[in-house]
Protein backbone atom coordinates (compact mmCIF):
# COMPACT_ATOMS: atom_id res chain seq x y z
CA MET A 1 -12.43 -22.98 -11.36
CA ASP A 2 -9.68 -25.17 -12.94
CA SER A 3 -6.21 -23.93 -13.89
CA LEU A 4 -7.04 -23.41 -17.58
CA GLU A 5 -10.18 -21.48 -16.72
CA PHE A 6 -8.51 -19.11 -14.26
CA THR A 7 -5.72 -18.42 -16.78
CA ASP A 8 -8.30 -17.56 -19.45
CA ARG A 9 -10.13 -15.20 -17.08
CA ILE A 10 -6.93 -13.36 -16.18
CA LYS A 11 -5.79 -13.06 -19.80
CA SER A 12 -9.19 -11.75 -20.91
CA LEU A 13 -8.97 -9.10 -18.18
CA GLU A 14 -5.49 -8.08 -19.33
CA ARG A 15 -6.61 -7.94 -22.97
CA ASN A 16 -9.62 -5.80 -22.10
CA ILE A 17 -7.49 -3.26 -20.26
CA GLY A 18 -4.78 -3.42 -22.91
CA GLY A 19 -7.32 -2.46 -25.54
CA VAL A 20 -7.39 1.00 -23.96
CA VAL A 21 -3.96 1.30 -22.35
CA ARG A 22 -1.99 0.69 -25.54
CA GLY A 23 1.60 -0.53 -25.66
CA LYS A 24 1.93 -1.09 -21.90
CA PRO A 25 1.44 -4.85 -21.29
CA ARG A 26 3.79 -4.89 -18.31
CA ILE A 27 1.95 -2.02 -16.62
CA VAL A 28 -1.42 -3.67 -17.31
CA LYS A 29 -0.17 -6.94 -15.85
CA THR A 30 1.12 -5.17 -12.73
CA ALA A 31 -2.29 -3.55 -12.21
CA VAL A 32 -3.99 -6.96 -12.44
CA ILE A 33 -1.41 -8.39 -10.03
CA ALA A 34 -2.25 -5.64 -7.53
CA LEU A 35 -5.94 -6.51 -7.76
CA LEU A 36 -5.39 -10.26 -7.37
CA SER A 37 -3.05 -9.77 -4.41
CA ARG A 38 -5.67 -7.66 -2.57
CA SER A 39 -3.37 -4.66 -2.77
CA HIS A 40 -3.59 -0.91 -3.29
CA MET A 41 -1.79 0.82 -6.14
CA LEU A 42 -0.21 4.25 -6.59
CA ILE A 43 0.22 5.54 -10.14
CA GLU A 44 2.81 8.31 -10.23
CA ASP A 45 3.49 10.03 -13.52
CA VAL A 46 3.20 13.22 -15.55
CA PRO A 47 -0.23 14.42 -16.76
CA GLY A 48 -1.80 12.92 -19.86
CA VAL A 49 -0.09 9.51 -20.01
CA GLY A 50 -3.14 7.50 -18.93
CA LYS A 51 -3.12 7.28 -15.12
CA THR A 52 -6.88 7.78 -14.80
CA THR A 53 -7.51 5.73 -17.95
CA LEU A 54 -5.71 2.72 -16.45
CA ALA A 55 -7.73 2.96 -13.22
CA GLN A 56 -11.01 3.35 -15.11
CA ALA A 57 -10.18 0.49 -17.49
CA LEU A 58 -9.36 -1.86 -14.61
CA ALA A 59 -12.58 -1.02 -12.80
CA ARG A 60 -14.84 -1.12 -15.86
CA SER A 61 -13.40 -4.46 -17.01
CA THR A 62 -14.90 -6.03 -13.89
CA GLU A 63 -18.36 -6.16 -12.37
CA LEU A 64 -17.07 -4.36 -9.27
CA SER A 65 -18.54 -1.11 -7.98
CA PHE A 66 -16.39 1.95 -8.69
CA LYS A 67 -16.14 5.46 -7.23
CA ARG A 68 -13.85 8.32 -8.21
CA ILE A 69 -12.82 10.95 -5.67
CA GLN A 70 -11.15 14.13 -6.93
CA PHE A 71 -8.74 15.12 -4.18
CA THR A 72 -8.48 18.87 -3.60
CA SER A 73 -7.11 21.08 -0.82
CA ASP A 74 -10.61 21.67 0.62
CA LEU A 75 -11.63 17.98 0.66
CA LEU A 76 -12.59 16.81 4.16
CA PRO A 77 -12.31 13.31 5.67
CA SER A 78 -16.11 13.15 5.89
CA ASP A 79 -16.28 13.76 2.12
CA ILE A 80 -14.49 10.44 1.71
CA LEU A 81 -15.69 8.29 4.59
CA GLY A 82 -19.23 9.53 5.11
CA VAL A 83 -21.05 11.25 7.93
CA SER A 84 -23.79 10.65 10.50
CA VAL A 85 -26.89 12.66 9.66
CA LEU A 86 -29.78 13.45 11.98
CA ASP A 87 -33.04 11.81 10.95
CA ARG A 88 -35.57 14.36 12.18
CA PRO A 89 -38.64 12.07 12.25
CA THR A 90 -36.93 9.55 14.54
CA GLY A 91 -34.41 11.79 16.23
CA ASP A 92 -31.67 9.23 15.52
CA PHE A 93 -28.43 9.68 13.67
CA LYS A 94 -28.07 7.59 10.52
CA PHE A 95 -24.81 6.94 8.78
CA LYS A 96 -24.57 8.19 5.20
CA PRO A 97 -21.71 6.26 3.51
CA GLY A 98 -19.11 8.20 1.53
CA PRO A 99 -17.53 7.21 -1.80
CA ILE A 100 -14.97 5.01 0.00
CA PHE A 101 -17.72 2.36 0.13
CA ALA A 102 -16.96 0.82 -3.26
CA ASN A 103 -14.91 -2.13 -4.50
CA ILE A 104 -12.48 0.03 -6.44
CA VAL A 105 -11.87 3.63 -5.37
CA LEU A 106 -9.91 6.04 -7.53
CA ALA A 107 -8.20 8.71 -5.41
CA ASP A 108 -7.35 11.11 -8.20
CA GLU A 109 -4.44 13.51 -7.52
CA ILE A 110 -4.21 12.28 -3.94
CA ASN A 111 -1.36 14.62 -3.02
CA ARG A 112 -3.57 17.68 -3.53
CA ALA A 113 -5.45 16.91 -0.30
CA THR A 114 -4.19 17.92 3.13
CA PRO A 115 -2.39 15.37 5.34
CA LYS A 116 -5.48 15.15 7.57
CA THR A 117 -7.62 14.11 4.61
CA GLN A 118 -4.98 11.74 3.27
CA SER A 119 -4.88 10.07 6.71
CA ALA A 120 -8.59 9.30 6.43
CA LEU A 121 -7.62 6.49 4.05
CA LEU A 122 -5.20 4.75 6.43
CA GLU A 123 -7.70 2.58 8.32
CA ALA A 124 -9.64 1.80 5.15
CA MET A 125 -6.53 0.68 3.26
CA ASN A 126 -5.08 -1.31 6.13
CA GLU A 127 -8.17 -2.98 7.58
CA ALA A 128 -10.89 -2.62 4.90
CA ARG A 129 -13.13 -0.76 7.34
CA VAL A 130 -13.76 2.75 8.64
CA THR A 131 -14.74 3.97 12.08
CA ILE A 132 -17.27 6.81 12.32
CA ASP A 133 -18.40 8.10 15.72
CA GLY A 134 -16.97 5.00 17.36
CA VAL A 135 -18.89 2.62 15.08
CA GLU A 136 -17.00 0.31 12.69
CA HIS A 137 -18.26 -0.03 9.13
CA THR A 138 -16.88 -2.83 6.94
CA LEU A 139 -16.00 -1.95 3.35
CA PRO A 140 -17.18 -4.15 0.47
CA ALA A 141 -14.96 -7.02 -0.69
CA PRO A 142 -12.86 -6.93 -2.70
CA PHE A 143 -11.59 -3.46 -1.82
CA MET A 144 -8.85 -1.61 -3.68
CA VAL A 145 -7.63 1.98 -3.68
CA ILE A 146 -5.96 3.26 -6.83
CA ALA A 147 -4.34 6.66 -6.29
CA THR A 148 -2.76 8.97 -8.85
CA GLN A 149 -0.34 11.82 -8.43
CA ASN A 150 1.97 14.01 -10.52
CA PRO A 151 5.50 13.84 -9.07
CA PHE A 152 6.71 16.98 -10.81
CA GLU A 153 4.05 19.42 -9.61
CA TYR A 154 4.69 20.89 -6.18
CA LYS A 155 2.46 23.99 -5.93
CA GLY A 156 -0.65 23.22 -3.90
CA THR A 157 0.39 19.65 -3.13
CA PHE A 158 1.17 17.76 0.07
CA PRO A 159 3.65 14.87 -0.41
CA LEU A 160 2.50 11.53 0.93
CA PRO A 161 4.28 10.60 4.19
CA GLU A 162 6.11 7.30 4.52
CA ASN A 163 3.31 5.64 6.53
CA GLN A 164 0.81 6.49 3.79
CA LEU A 165 3.12 5.30 1.00
CA ASP A 166 3.65 2.03 2.88
CA ARG A 167 -0.07 1.25 2.51
CA PHE A 168 0.33 1.12 -1.27
CA ALA A 169 1.66 -2.33 -2.10
CA VAL A 170 2.57 -1.26 -5.63
CA ARG A 171 3.75 1.98 -7.21
CA ILE A 172 4.00 2.22 -10.98
CA SER A 173 4.88 4.81 -13.59
CA ILE A 174 3.19 4.43 -16.97
CA GLY A 175 5.56 6.51 -19.08
CA TYR A 176 5.09 7.77 -22.62
CA PRO A 177 3.88 5.30 -25.27
CA ASP A 178 6.14 4.17 -28.07
CA ARG A 179 5.61 5.68 -31.52
CA GLU A 180 3.43 2.89 -32.93
CA SER A 181 1.21 2.74 -29.84
CA GLU A 182 0.79 6.51 -29.85
CA LYS A 183 -0.16 6.37 -33.53
CA GLU A 184 -2.84 3.78 -32.66
CA ILE A 185 -4.11 6.06 -29.91
CA LEU A 186 -4.35 9.00 -32.32
CA SER A 187 -6.14 6.87 -34.91
CA SER A 188 -8.56 5.09 -32.57
CA PHE A 189 -9.63 7.56 -29.92
CA GLY A 190 -11.52 10.79 -30.22
CA PRO A 191 -12.43 13.51 -27.71
CA THR A 192 -14.72 11.21 -25.68
CA ASN A 193 -13.50 9.10 -22.76
CA THR A 194 -11.39 6.22 -24.07
CA TRP A 195 -12.85 3.86 -21.48
CA SER A 196 -16.52 4.59 -22.16
CA GLY A 197 -16.99 1.50 -24.37
CA ILE A 198 -15.37 -1.02 -22.00
CA ARG A 199 -17.56 -3.92 -20.92
CA PRO A 200 -16.96 -6.23 -17.93
CA VAL A 201 -15.19 -9.49 -18.71
CA ILE A 202 -14.92 -10.91 -15.19
CA SER A 203 -17.36 -11.13 -12.28
CA ARG A 204 -16.95 -10.17 -8.65
CA ASP A 205 -17.13 -13.83 -7.60
CA ASP A 206 -14.38 -14.72 -10.07
CA ILE A 207 -12.11 -12.02 -8.67
CA LEU A 208 -12.73 -13.17 -5.10
CA ALA A 209 -11.95 -16.76 -6.15
CA LEU A 210 -8.76 -15.66 -7.92
CA GLN A 211 -7.66 -13.70 -4.85
CA VAL A 212 -8.06 -16.85 -2.75
CA MET A 213 -6.12 -18.87 -5.32
CA SER A 214 -3.37 -16.23 -5.38
CA GLY A 215 -2.91 -16.56 -1.63
CA LYS A 216 -2.50 -20.33 -2.00
CA VAL A 217 0.29 -20.18 -4.60
CA ARG A 218 3.17 -22.23 -3.23
CA LEU A 219 6.47 -20.65 -2.16
CA ASP A 220 9.41 -22.90 -1.31
CA ASP A 221 11.65 -21.96 1.60
CA SER A 222 14.30 -20.87 -0.89
CA ILE A 223 11.91 -18.26 -2.32
CA LEU A 224 10.98 -17.00 1.15
CA ASP A 225 14.69 -16.76 2.02
CA TYR A 226 15.25 -14.84 -1.24
CA ILE A 227 12.54 -12.33 -0.32
CA LEU A 228 14.00 -11.88 3.17
CA ALA A 229 17.51 -11.42 1.76
CA ILE A 230 16.25 -8.61 -0.50
CA ILE A 231 14.40 -6.93 2.37
CA ASN A 232 17.41 -7.17 4.69
CA GLU A 233 19.66 -5.74 2.00
CA THR A 234 17.53 -2.59 1.89
CA ARG A 235 17.98 -2.24 5.66
CA ASN A 236 21.70 -2.89 5.89
CA ARG A 237 23.21 -1.10 2.93
CA LYS A 238 24.77 2.32 3.33
CA LEU A 239 22.69 3.49 0.39
CA PHE A 240 19.48 3.71 2.47
CA THR A 241 18.43 5.56 5.58
CA LEU A 242 15.11 3.72 5.66
CA GLY A 243 14.66 0.16 4.44
CA ALA A 244 11.57 -1.84 3.55
CA SER A 245 9.20 -2.67 6.42
CA PRO A 246 7.75 -6.08 7.30
CA ARG A 247 4.62 -4.90 5.48
CA GLY A 248 6.85 -4.48 2.41
CA ALA A 249 8.05 -8.07 2.75
CA ILE A 250 4.47 -9.32 2.96
CA ALA A 251 3.52 -7.19 -0.06
CA LEU A 252 6.42 -8.60 -2.09
CA LYS A 253 5.42 -12.15 -1.20
CA SER A 254 1.78 -11.54 -2.16
CA ALA A 255 2.73 -9.80 -5.41
CA ALA A 256 5.05 -12.67 -6.38
CA GLN A 257 2.24 -15.16 -5.74
CA ALA A 258 -0.18 -13.14 -7.87
CA ARG A 259 2.37 -12.83 -10.66
CA ALA A 260 2.80 -16.59 -10.70
CA LEU A 261 -0.96 -16.96 -10.98
CA THR A 262 -1.13 -14.55 -13.94
CA ASP A 263 1.44 -16.76 -15.67
CA GLY A 264 -0.71 -19.84 -15.07
CA ARG A 265 1.44 -21.33 -12.32
CA THR A 266 0.53 -22.52 -8.82
CA TYR A 267 4.09 -22.08 -7.54
CA CYS A 268 6.53 -19.16 -7.36
CA ILE A 269 9.90 -18.90 -9.07
CA PRO A 270 12.68 -16.33 -8.41
CA ASP A 271 11.64 -14.30 -11.48
CA ASP A 272 8.28 -13.58 -9.81
CA VAL A 273 10.10 -11.91 -6.93
CA LYS A 274 12.60 -10.08 -9.15
CA GLU A 275 9.88 -8.67 -11.44
CA MET A 276 7.82 -7.32 -8.53
CA ALA A 277 10.65 -6.03 -6.32
CA VAL A 278 10.91 -2.57 -7.89
CA PRO A 279 7.17 -1.67 -8.00
CA VAL A 280 6.68 -3.08 -4.47
CA LEU A 281 9.79 -1.76 -2.71
CA ALA A 282 11.07 1.39 -4.43
CA HIS A 283 8.55 3.73 -2.79
CA ARG A 284 9.16 2.21 0.66
CA VAL A 285 12.85 3.06 0.94
CA VAL A 286 14.59 6.37 1.58
CA LEU A 287 18.00 6.95 0.02
CA ARG A 288 20.82 8.30 2.15
CA ASP A 289 21.85 10.78 -0.53
CA GLU A 290 18.68 12.79 -1.25
CA ARG A 291 20.24 14.22 -4.41
CA ILE A 292 19.80 10.89 -6.20
CA GLY A 293 16.35 10.19 -4.75
CA GLY A 294 13.17 10.60 -6.81
CA GLN A 295 12.85 10.46 -10.60
CA GLY A 296 14.02 6.86 -10.69
CA GLY A 297 16.69 6.97 -7.98
CA GLU A 298 14.92 4.53 -5.68
CA GLU A 299 14.16 2.18 -8.57
CA GLU A 300 17.84 2.09 -9.54
CA ALA A 301 18.78 1.41 -5.91
CA ILE A 302 16.42 -1.59 -5.72
CA GLU A 303 17.84 -2.87 -9.02
CA GLU A 304 21.29 -2.69 -7.44
CA VAL A 305 20.01 -4.63 -4.43
CA LEU A 306 18.71 -7.34 -6.78
CA ARG A 307 22.11 -7.57 -8.46
CA ASN A 308 23.80 -8.07 -5.09
CA VAL A 309 21.46 -10.74 -3.69
CA PRO A 310 22.16 -14.29 -4.92
CA VAL A 311 19.26 -15.84 -6.82
CA PRO A 312 18.20 -19.30 -5.55
CA VAL A 313 18.66 -22.15 -7.99
């Protein structure tokens, strides 16, 4: 795949998703970046703004397998991972895979499940495998978890702990559409699912190839030093009680490489890092003053970090 061809494939994917998720090109691009960087994505926003639509559009625009899991308080780990079932004719136990065995898995309203059930995703998200009864089962490649949650609803929910949040390379908030985009939505879409007419525009092999290309995007030492300076600033400033982890640094590097690829470049520039810093790092830090945390507080803190770290020239 040459440079012009991979750029066309990425742009066609963005256009396909953007045909459903109207007026949010930056959000669409971030979702594609998460896929190309082999990352998992958390969509946190109020009901009705298109969280599930974005996940469905991303999955249906590809030839990847897709499963949706509705997280509820009575959901069990075995409902996600699968279970060993006794085969009576042979007397042996056979593994029955759960919905986690798909390329793209939508964990809808993830914070409605108990911490025990949420933890069932940790191994899958970190190592692309699950262990059942001591036996390891490899998940299909590529593998991506897209989770949604409503940050303003607390009854019957269990907030994600820091170690679970750290597995999500990217957290985004879609927000309300602008007036013109919302008018298009009202004019174009009826009561049926808005994503029902989406057709795949990119194959599984193409996505795997693009993921490999993303990992090969060049970063000069100055860009690596810039990433490390941002990470260290989150650890040293009095504003935070918990800074970004080494996993956060790796996620920022990978996201910057994928962003460069979506722009048709085989090398990173400082803007790639700056654009991805908030969605990659904001959910990984804990502010010292809890009164300004949440509802954009962490995002503003990362923006302040970016203002204080010199940009390489």
